[in-house]
């Protein structure tokens, strides 16, 4: 599919989605949200695509968030049911998504990164939820994901001050997995993606669903007992990969994953 505001590339089982509005620091407006919704729909539905990487065009910004100038100028507003960037309210995506943050990740841009499973950041990346400074609030998931990912007090220290956090501090706080030099960012993101692809896609999906849904259970016991009901766990037990993994191990060879 041809897109106007994003780019989608496929490298084997890896889908790379690039926010492509560098002239506005990859800030997103309604048409971009809907394009991203379609791209993530396609990624989720394609059995041959196992991992996605999201990044921004140019070297200044991952995403500056909501396109406030578009909004102030009376431009069309709105996003698909899957949320900001077609991702922040997408709770049924079992495949892993990596954010490769190449610069500014402000407001909705930070919320996109927080909605991903891993964050790999360039040394020049900057993160913030600055919405209170313009009379808004980070209601696309940032106010809820950040406390869950780094703890209440650390999150409130960012949320209530709207302060900017460097990539290194983000790593120390725990929401960034790795910090690399700007020229190494996409190589690092691909390295993480390829490590994931060495594992069974069925196992990865089952693991992600068990973790994410288990966090919503009231107790550890409920999380452990409840995971057998999860769709991706059931699919793992019925998959070709469930047979291939132990067989490859016993035959001392690399497994040939099918992802089904």
C-alpha atoms as a PDB file:
ATOM      1  CA  UNK A   1       0.000   0.000   0.000  1.00  0.00           C
ATOM      2  CA  UNK A   2       1.187   3.520  -0.799  1.00  0.00           C
ATOM      3  CA  UNK A   3       1.332   5.860   2.193  1.00  0.00           C
ATOM      4  CA  UNK A   4       1.756   9.638   2.293  1.00  0.00           C
ATOM      5  CA  UNK A   5       2.851  10.248   5.870  1.00  0.00           C
ATOM      6  CA  UNK A   6       4.647   7.026   6.802  1.00  0.00           C
ATOM      7  CA  UNK A   7       6.969   4.522   5.161  1.00  0.00           C
ATOM      8  CA  UNK A   8       6.729   0.759   5.568  1.00  0.00           C
ATOM      9  CA  UNK A   9       9.588  -1.566   4.677  1.00  0.00           C
ATOM     10  CA  UNK A  10       9.897  -5.303   5.197  1.00  0.00           C
ATOM     11  CA  UNK A  11      13.200  -7.035   5.803  1.00  0.00           C
ATOM     12  CA  UNK A  12      12.428 -10.730   6.008  1.00  0.00           C
ATOM     13  CA  UNK A  13      10.175 -11.176   9.069  1.00  0.00           C
ATOM     14  CA  UNK A  14      10.855  -7.618  10.309  1.00  0.00           C
ATOM     15  CA  UNK A  15       8.527  -4.714   9.469  1.00  0.00           C
ATOM     16  CA  UNK A  16      10.035  -1.225   9.740  1.00  0.00           C
ATOM     17  CA  UNK A  17       7.509   1.601  10.097  1.00  0.00           C
ATOM     18  CA  UNK A  18       8.890   5.121   9.738  1.00  0.00           C
ATOM     19  CA  UNK A  19       6.960   8.230  10.784  1.00  0.00           C
ATOM     20  CA  UNK A  20       7.612  10.380   7.732  1.00  0.00           C
ATOM     21  CA  UNK A  21       6.803  14.021   8.490  1.00  0.00           C
ATOM     22  CA  UNK A  22      10.314  15.330   9.255  1.00  0.00           C
ATOM     23  CA  UNK A  23       9.355  18.903   8.361  1.00  0.00           C
ATOM     24  CA  UNK A  24       7.170  18.984  11.509  1.00  0.00           C
ATOM     25  CA  UNK A  25       9.465  16.760  13.596  1.00  0.00           C
ATOM     26  CA  UNK A  26       7.228  13.782  12.776  1.00  0.00           C
ATOM     27  CA  UNK A  27       4.304  15.265  14.696  1.00  0.00           C
ATOM     28  CA  UNK A  28       1.149  13.365  13.825  1.00  0.00           C
ATOM     29  CA  UNK A  29      -2.204  14.542  12.542  1.00  0.00           C
ATOM     30  CA  UNK A  30      -5.369  12.582  11.827  1.00  0.00           C
ATOM     31  CA  UNK A  31      -4.394  11.274   8.362  1.00  0.00           C
ATOM     32  CA  UNK A  32      -1.094   9.980   9.752  1.00  0.00           C
ATOM     33  CA  UNK A  33      -2.870   8.224  12.634  1.00  0.00           C
ATOM     34  CA  UNK A  34      -5.122   6.376  10.217  1.00  0.00           C
ATOM     35  CA  UNK A  35      -2.214   5.380   7.976  1.00  0.00           C
ATOM     36  CA  UNK A  36      -0.392   4.004  11.000  1.00  0.00           C
ATOM     37  CA  UNK A  37      -3.528   2.158  12.054  1.00  0.00           C
ATOM     38  CA  UNK A  38      -3.635   0.463   8.661  1.00  0.00           C
ATOM     39  CA  UNK A  39       0.081  -0.361   8.786  1.00  0.00           C
ATOM     40  CA  UNK A  40      -0.183  -1.995  12.209  1.00  0.00           C
ATOM     41  CA  UNK A  41      -3.324  -3.853  11.102  1.00  0.00           C
ATOM     42  CA  UNK A  42      -1.347  -5.270   8.173  1.00  0.00           C
ATOM     43  CA  UNK A  43       1.605  -6.170  10.397  1.00  0.00           C
ATOM     44  CA  UNK A  44      -0.614  -7.947  12.905  1.00  0.00           C
ATOM     45  CA  UNK A  45      -2.431  -9.919  10.216  1.00  0.00           C
ATOM     46  CA  UNK A  46       0.622 -11.035   8.230  1.00  0.00           C
ATOM     47  CA  UNK A  47       1.856 -14.438   9.501  1.00  0.00           C
ATOM     48  CA  UNK A  48       5.234 -13.875   7.872  1.00  0.00           C
ATOM     49  CA  UNK A  49       5.926 -10.651   9.816  1.00  0.00           C
ATOM     50  CA  UNK A  50       7.157 -11.373  13.340  1.00  0.00           C
ATOM     51  CA  UNK A  51       8.612  -8.131  14.762  1.00  0.00           C
ATOM     52  CA  UNK A  52       8.051  -4.435  14.041  1.00  0.00           C
ATOM     53  CA  UNK A  53      10.427  -1.491  14.480  1.00  0.00           C
ATOM     54  CA  UNK A  54       8.990   2.043  14.692  1.00  0.00           C
ATOM     55  CA  UNK A  55      11.245   5.039  14.086  1.00  0.00           C
ATOM     56  CA  UNK A  56      11.130   8.613  12.806  1.00  0.00           C
ATOM     57  CA  UNK A  57      12.415  10.128   9.574  1.00  0.00           C
ATOM     58  CA  UNK A  58      15.379  12.475   9.815  1.00  0.00           C
ATOM     59  CA  UNK A  59      17.779  12.941  12.714  1.00  0.00           C
ATOM     60  CA  UNK A  60      15.880  15.490  14.829  1.00  0.00           C
ATOM     61  CA  UNK A  61      12.826  13.665  16.079  1.00  0.00           C
ATOM     62  CA  UNK A  62      11.200  10.325  16.675  1.00  0.00           C
ATOM     63  CA  UNK A  63       7.941  12.234  17.054  1.00  0.00           C
ATOM     64  CA  UNK A  64       7.061  15.578  18.598  1.00  0.00           C
ATOM     65  CA  UNK A  65       3.620  14.136  19.354  1.00  0.00           C
ATOM     66  CA  UNK A  66       0.349  15.738  18.362  1.00  0.00           C
ATOM     67  CA  UNK A  67       0.546  18.233  15.509  1.00  0.00           C
ATOM     68  CA  UNK A  68      -0.655  21.250  17.495  1.00  0.00           C
ATOM     69  CA  UNK A  69      -0.310  23.658  14.565  1.00  0.00           C
ATOM     70  CA  UNK A  70      -2.569  21.417  12.477  1.00  0.00           C
ATOM     71  CA  UNK A  71      -5.037  21.344  15.372  1.00  0.00           C
ATOM     72  CA  UNK A  72      -4.874  25.099  15.976  1.00  0.00           C
ATOM     73  CA  UNK A  73      -5.425  25.735  12.269  1.00  0.00           C
ATOM     74  CA  UNK A  74      -8.716  23.862  12.358  1.00  0.00           C
ATOM     75  CA  UNK A  75      -7.359  20.699  10.746  1.00  0.00           C
ATOM     76  CA  UNK A  76      -9.290  17.477  10.987  1.00  0.00           C
ATOM     77  CA  UNK A  77      -8.755  15.715  14.311  1.00  0.00           C
ATOM     78  CA  UNK A  78      -9.246  12.117  15.365  1.00  0.00           C
ATOM     79  CA  UNK A  79      -7.519   8.755  15.364  1.00  0.00           C
ATOM     80  CA  UNK A  80      -8.596   5.158  14.720  1.00  0.00           C
ATOM     81  CA  UNK A  81      -9.909   2.921  17.546  1.00  0.00           C
ATOM     82  CA  UNK A  82      -6.344   1.610  17.900  1.00  0.00           C
ATOM     83  CA  UNK A  83      -5.356   5.009  19.282  1.00  0.00           C
ATOM     84  CA  UNK A  84      -2.584   7.566  18.795  1.00  0.00           C
ATOM     85  CA  UNK A  85      -0.335   6.400  15.943  1.00  0.00           C
ATOM     86  CA  UNK A  86      -2.658   3.429  15.559  1.00  0.00           C
ATOM     87  CA  UNK A  87      -0.849   1.858  18.505  1.00  0.00           C
ATOM     88  CA  UNK A  88      -1.531   3.327  21.954  1.00  0.00           C
ATOM     89  CA  UNK A  89      -4.953   1.643  22.305  1.00  0.00           C
ATOM     90  CA  UNK A  90      -4.026  -1.520  20.394  1.00  0.00           C
ATOM     91  CA  UNK A  91      -4.216  -4.027  23.225  1.00  0.00           C
ATOM     92  CA  UNK A  92      -4.607  -7.173  21.121  1.00  0.00           C
ATOM     93  CA  UNK A  93      -1.264  -7.047  19.276  1.00  0.00           C
ATOM     94  CA  UNK A  94       0.688 -10.109  20.393  1.00  0.00           C
ATOM     95  CA  UNK A  95       3.711  -9.490  18.170  1.00  0.00           C
ATOM     96  CA  UNK A  96       6.585  -7.452  19.643  1.00  0.00           C
ATOM     97  CA  UNK A  97       7.186  -3.842  18.628  1.00  0.00           C
ATOM     98  CA  UNK A  98      10.494  -2.014  19.099  1.00  0.00           C
ATOM     99  CA  UNK A  99      10.757   1.785  19.264  1.00  0.00           C
ATOM    100  CA  UNK A 100      13.986   3.092  17.703  1.00  0.00           C
ATOM    101  CA  UNK A 101      13.982   6.616  19.142  1.00  0.00           C
ATOM    102  CA  UNK A 102      16.193   8.823  17.004  1.00  0.00           C
ATOM    103  CA  UNK A 103      15.656  12.211  18.653  1.00  0.00           C
ATOM    104  CA  UNK A 104      12.833  14.082  20.351  1.00  0.00           C
ATOM    105  CA  UNK A 105      10.031  11.889  21.743  1.00  0.00           C
ATOM    106  CA  UNK A 106       7.636  14.381  23.262  1.00  0.00           C
ATOM    107  CA  UNK A 107       4.056  13.971  24.385  1.00  0.00           C
ATOM    108  CA  UNK A 108       2.354  11.594  22.016  1.00  0.00           C
ATOM    109  CA  UNK A 109       5.763  10.662  20.635  1.00  0.00           C
ATOM    110  CA  UNK A 110       6.794   9.406  24.071  1.00  0.00           C
ATOM    111  CA  UNK A 111       3.436   7.662  24.395  1.00  0.00           C
ATOM    112  CA  UNK A 112       4.116   5.795  21.141  1.00  0.00           C
ATOM    113  CA  UNK A 113       7.473   4.621  22.523  1.00  0.00           C
ATOM    114  CA  UNK A 114       5.913   3.584  25.843  1.00  0.00           C
ATOM    115  CA  UNK A 115       3.343   1.520  23.932  1.00  0.00           C
ATOM    116  CA  UNK A 116       6.184  -0.467  22.348  1.00  0.00           C
ATOM    117  CA  UNK A 117       7.725  -3.511  24.030  1.00  0.00           C
ATOM    118  CA  UNK A 118      11.330  -2.286  23.830  1.00  0.00           C
ATOM    119  CA  UNK A 119      12.869   1.181  23.493  1.00  0.00           C
ATOM    120  CA  UNK A 120      16.268   1.566  21.851  1.00  0.00           C
ATOM    121  CA  UNK A 121      17.393   5.183  21.998  1.00  0.00           C
ATOM    122  CA  UNK A 122      19.960   7.312  20.282  1.00  0.00           C
ATOM    123  CA  UNK A 123      22.239   9.308  22.602  1.00  0.00           C
ATOM    124  CA  UNK A 124      20.479  12.475  21.409  1.00  0.00           C
ATOM    125  CA  UNK A 125      16.990  11.194  22.251  1.00  0.00           C
ATOM    126  CA  UNK A 126      14.911  13.285  24.653  1.00  0.00           C
ATOM    127  CA  UNK A 127      11.713  12.136  26.359  1.00  0.00           C
ATOM    128  CA  UNK A 128       8.953  14.141  28.037  1.00  0.00           C
ATOM    129  CA  UNK A 129       5.235  14.428  28.651  1.00  0.00           C
ATOM    130  CA  UNK A 130       4.986  18.237  28.296  1.00  0.00           C
ATOM    131  CA  UNK A 131       1.209  18.411  27.777  1.00  0.00           C
ATOM    132  CA  UNK A 132       0.508  20.385  30.999  1.00  0.00           C
ATOM    133  CA  UNK A 133       2.618  23.250  29.628  1.00  0.00           C
ATOM    134  CA  UNK A 134       0.099  23.720  26.800  1.00  0.00           C
ATOM    135  CA  UNK A 135      -3.050  23.010  28.808  1.00  0.00           C
ATOM    136  CA  UNK A 136      -3.374  19.351  27.831  1.00  0.00           C
ATOM    137  CA  UNK A 137      -2.753  15.963  29.451  1.00  0.00           C
ATOM    138  CA  UNK A 138      -1.038  12.788  28.211  1.00  0.00           C
ATOM    139  CA  UNK A 139      -4.247  10.802  27.849  1.00  0.00           C
ATOM    140  CA  UNK A 140      -3.046   8.471  25.073  1.00  0.00           C
ATOM    141  CA  UNK A 141      -1.631   6.090  27.658  1.00  0.00           C
ATOM    142  CA  UNK A 142       1.391   7.979  28.959  1.00  0.00           C
ATOM    143  CA  UNK A 143      -0.142   8.740  32.353  1.00  0.00           C
ATOM    144  CA  UNK A 144      -0.805   5.040  32.896  1.00  0.00           C
ATOM    145  CA  UNK A 145       2.050   3.274  31.118  1.00  0.00           C
ATOM    146  CA  UNK A 146       4.859   5.353  32.635  1.00  0.00           C
ATOM    147  CA  UNK A 147       3.972   4.594  36.315  1.00  0.00           C
ATOM    148  CA  UNK A 148       3.549   0.919  35.465  1.00  0.00           C
ATOM    149  CA  UNK A 149       6.939   0.813  33.772  1.00  0.00           C
ATOM    150  CA  UNK A 150       9.133   2.824  36.152  1.00  0.00           C
ATOM    151  CA  UNK A 151       7.146   3.146  39.387  1.00  0.00           C
ATOM    152  CA  UNK A 152       4.863   5.840  40.759  1.00  0.00           C
ATOM    153  CA  UNK A 153       7.290   8.356  42.285  1.00  0.00           C
ATOM    154  CA  UNK A 154       9.695   8.358  39.345  1.00  0.00           C
ATOM    155  CA  UNK A 155       6.823   8.705  36.920  1.00  0.00           C
ATOM    156  CA  UNK A 156       5.192  11.513  38.869  1.00  0.00           C
ATOM    157  CA  UNK A 157       8.528  13.302  38.906  1.00  0.00           C
ATOM    158  CA  UNK A 158       8.322  13.455  35.111  1.00  0.00           C
ATOM    159  CA  UNK A 159       4.553  13.924  34.768  1.00  0.00           C
ATOM    160  CA  UNK A 160       4.033  16.731  37.295  1.00  0.00           C
ATOM    161  CA  UNK A 161       7.031  18.778  36.134  1.00  0.00           C
ATOM    162  CA  UNK A 162       6.774  18.017  32.394  1.00  0.00           C
ATOM    163  CA  UNK A 163      10.571  17.871  32.500  1.00  0.00           C
ATOM    164  CA  UNK A 164      12.770  16.508  29.744  1.00  0.00           C
ATOM    165  CA  UNK A 165      14.706  13.295  30.287  1.00  0.00           C
ATOM    166  CA  UNK A 166      17.811  12.278  28.333  1.00  0.00           C
ATOM    167  CA  UNK A 167      18.307   8.835  26.824  1.00  0.00           C
ATOM    168  CA  UNK A 168      20.845   7.961  29.528  1.00  0.00           C
ATOM    169  CA  UNK A 169      18.464   8.993  32.312  1.00  0.00           C
ATOM    170  CA  UNK A 170      15.683   7.058  30.583  1.00  0.00           C
ATOM    171  CA  UNK A 171      17.909   3.990  30.709  1.00  0.00           C
ATOM    172  CA  UNK A 172      18.611   4.596  34.418  1.00  0.00           C
ATOM    173  CA  UNK A 173      14.899   5.070  35.115  1.00  0.00           C
ATOM    174  CA  UNK A 174      14.188   1.795  33.348  1.00  0.00           C
ATOM    175  CA  UNK A 175      12.070   2.655  30.321  1.00  0.00           C
ATOM    176  CA  UNK A 176      14.975   2.564  27.813  1.00  0.00           C
ATOM    177  CA  UNK A 177      16.584  -0.815  27.043  1.00  0.00           C
ATOM    178  CA  UNK A 178      19.753   0.430  25.327  1.00  0.00           C
ATOM    179  CA  UNK A 179      21.389   3.728  24.384  1.00  0.00           C
ATOM    180  CA  UNK A 180      23.605   3.877  21.291  1.00  0.00           C
ATOM    181  CA  UNK A 181      25.358   6.452  19.124  1.00  0.00           C
ATOM    182  CA  UNK A 182      23.023   8.116  16.596  1.00  0.00           C
ATOM    183  CA  UNK A 183      24.586   6.346  13.614  1.00  0.00           C
ATOM    184  CA  UNK A 184      24.165   2.960  15.283  1.00  0.00           C
ATOM    185  CA  UNK A 185      20.481   3.230  16.198  1.00  0.00           C
ATOM    186  CA  UNK A 186      18.855   1.221  13.427  1.00  0.00           C
ATOM    187  CA  UNK A 187      21.587  -1.409  13.514  1.00  0.00           C
ATOM    188  CA  UNK A 188      20.932  -1.819  17.243  1.00  0.00           C
ATOM    189  CA  UNK A 189      17.167  -2.022  16.725  1.00  0.00           C
ATOM    190  CA  UNK A 190      17.663  -4.634  14.005  1.00  0.00           C
ATOM    191  CA  UNK A 191      19.990  -6.571  16.310  1.00  0.00           C
ATOM    192  CA  UNK A 192      17.280  -6.754  18.976  1.00  0.00           C
ATOM    193  CA  UNK A 193      14.698  -7.703  16.341  1.00  0.00           C
ATOM    194  CA  UNK A 194      16.912 -10.475  14.973  1.00  0.00           C
ATOM    195  CA  UNK A 195      17.476 -11.858  18.473  1.00  0.00           C
ATOM    196  CA  UNK A 196      13.704 -12.033  18.871  1.00  0.00           C
ATOM    197  CA  UNK A 197      13.419 -13.747  15.481  1.00  0.00           C
ATOM    198  CA  UNK A 198      15.792 -16.479  16.652  1.00  0.00           C
ATOM    199  CA  UNK A 199      13.028 -17.534  19.034  1.00  0.00           C
ATOM    200  CA  UNK A 200       9.769 -19.190  18.069  1.00  0.00           C
ATOM    201  CA  UNK A 201       7.269 -16.490  17.034  1.00  0.00           C
ATOM    202  CA  UNK A 202       4.552 -18.564  18.695  1.00  0.00           C
ATOM    203  CA  UNK A 203       6.513 -18.611  21.959  1.00  0.00           C
ATOM    204  CA  UNK A 204       7.166 -14.869  21.739  1.00  0.00           C
ATOM    205  CA  UNK A 205       3.465 -14.099  21.223  1.00  0.00           C
ATOM    206  CA  UNK A 206       2.442 -16.397  24.066  1.00  0.00           C
ATOM    207  CA  UNK A 207       5.047 -14.797  26.316  1.00  0.00           C
ATOM    208  CA  UNK A 208       3.981 -11.243  25.480  1.00  0.00           C
ATOM    209  CA  UNK A 209       0.302 -11.981  26.033  1.00  0.00           C
ATOM    210  CA  UNK A 210       0.979 -13.796  29.305  1.00  0.00           C
ATOM    211  CA  UNK A 211       3.054 -10.892  30.615  1.00  0.00           C
ATOM    212  CA  UNK A 212       0.703  -8.108  29.543  1.00  0.00           C
ATOM    213  CA  UNK A 213      -2.540  -9.758  30.618  1.00  0.00           C
ATOM    214  CA  UNK A 214      -0.943 -11.189  33.734  1.00  0.00           C
ATOM    215  CA  UNK A 215      -0.137  -7.670  34.915  1.00  0.00           C
ATOM    216  CA  UNK A 216      -3.880  -6.993  35.033  1.00  0.00           C
ATOM    217  CA  UNK A 217      -4.585  -9.986  37.289  1.00  0.00           C
ATOM    218  CA  UNK A 218      -5.158  -9.266  40.992  1.00  0.00           C
ATOM    219  CA  UNK A 219      -2.450 -11.675  42.219  1.00  0.00           C
ATOM    220  CA  UNK A 220       0.525 -13.739  41.084  1.00  0.00           C
ATOM    221  CA  UNK A 221      -1.503 -16.885  41.623  1.00  0.00           C
ATOM    222  CA  UNK A 222      -4.313 -15.606  39.399  1.00  0.00           C
ATOM    223  CA  UNK A 223      -1.807 -14.618  36.708  1.00  0.00           C
ATOM    224  CA  UNK A 224      -0.184 -18.058  36.660  1.00  0.00           C
ATOM    225  CA  UNK A 225      -3.480 -19.951  36.707  1.00  0.00           C
ATOM    226  CA  UNK A 226      -5.085 -17.656  34.148  1.00  0.00           C
ATOM    227  CA  UNK A 227      -2.423 -17.835  31.454  1.00  0.00           C
ATOM    228  CA  UNK A 228      -3.655 -21.185  30.135  1.00  0.00           C
ATOM    229  CA  UNK A 229      -6.761 -19.364  28.884  1.00  0.00           C
ATOM    230  CA  UNK A 230      -4.849 -16.905  26.726  1.00  0.00           C
ATOM    231  CA  UNK A 231      -5.307 -17.231  22.983  1.00  0.00           C
ATOM    232  CA  UNK A 232      -1.607 -17.061  22.141  1.00  0.00           C
ATOM    233  CA  UNK A 233      -0.720 -19.677  24.766  1.00  0.00           C
ATOM    234  CA  UNK A 234      -3.347 -22.046  23.388  1.00  0.00           C
ATOM    235  CA  UNK A 235      -2.089 -21.396  19.847  1.00  0.00           C
ATOM    236  CA  UNK A 236       1.476 -22.197  20.937  1.00  0.00           C
ATOM    237  CA  UNK A 237       0.466 -25.633  22.230  1.00  0.00           C
ATOM    238  CA  UNK A 238      -1.247 -26.423  18.918  1.00  0.00           C
ATOM    239  CA  UNK A 239       1.510 -25.058  16.675  1.00  0.00           C
ATOM    240  CA  UNK A 240       4.145 -26.682  14.483  1.00  0.00           C
ATOM    241  CA  UNK A 241       6.753 -24.680  16.408  1.00  0.00           C
ATOM    242  CA  UNK A 242       5.757 -26.493  19.627  1.00  0.00           C
ATOM    243  CA  UNK A 243       6.908 -29.738  17.961  1.00  0.00           C
ATOM    244  CA  UNK A 244       9.844 -28.271  16.023  1.00  0.00           C
ATOM    245  CA  UNK A 245      11.611 -26.729  19.017  1.00  0.00           C
ATOM    246  CA  UNK A 246      12.208 -29.903  21.061  1.00  0.00           C
ATOM    247  CA  UNK A 247      12.858 -31.888  17.860  1.00  0.00           C
ATOM    248  CA  UNK A 248      15.563 -29.463  16.699  1.00  0.00           C
ATOM    249  CA  UNK A 249      17.113 -29.493  20.177  1.00  0.00           C
ATOM    250  CA  UNK A 250      17.254 -33.305  20.232  1.00  0.00           C
ATOM    251  CA  UNK A 251      18.770 -33.370  16.732  1.00  0.00           C
ATOM    252  CA  UNK A 252      21.313 -30.681  17.640  1.00  0.00           C
ATOM    253  CA  UNK A 253      20.327 -28.341  14.812  1.00  0.00           C
ATOM    254  CA  UNK A 254      18.887 -24.854  14.473  1.00  0.00           C
ATOM    255  CA  UNK A 255      15.080 -24.850  14.578  1.00  0.00           C
ATOM    256  CA  UNK A 256      13.122 -23.903  11.482  1.00  0.00           C
ATOM    257  CA  UNK A 257      10.344 -21.775  12.896  1.00  0.00           C
ATOM    258  CA  UNK A 258       7.068 -21.497  10.999  1.00  0.00           C
ATOM    259  CA  UNK A 259       5.266 -19.006  13.226  1.00  0.00           C
ATOM    260  CA  UNK A 260       2.157 -21.127  13.041  1.00  0.00           C
END
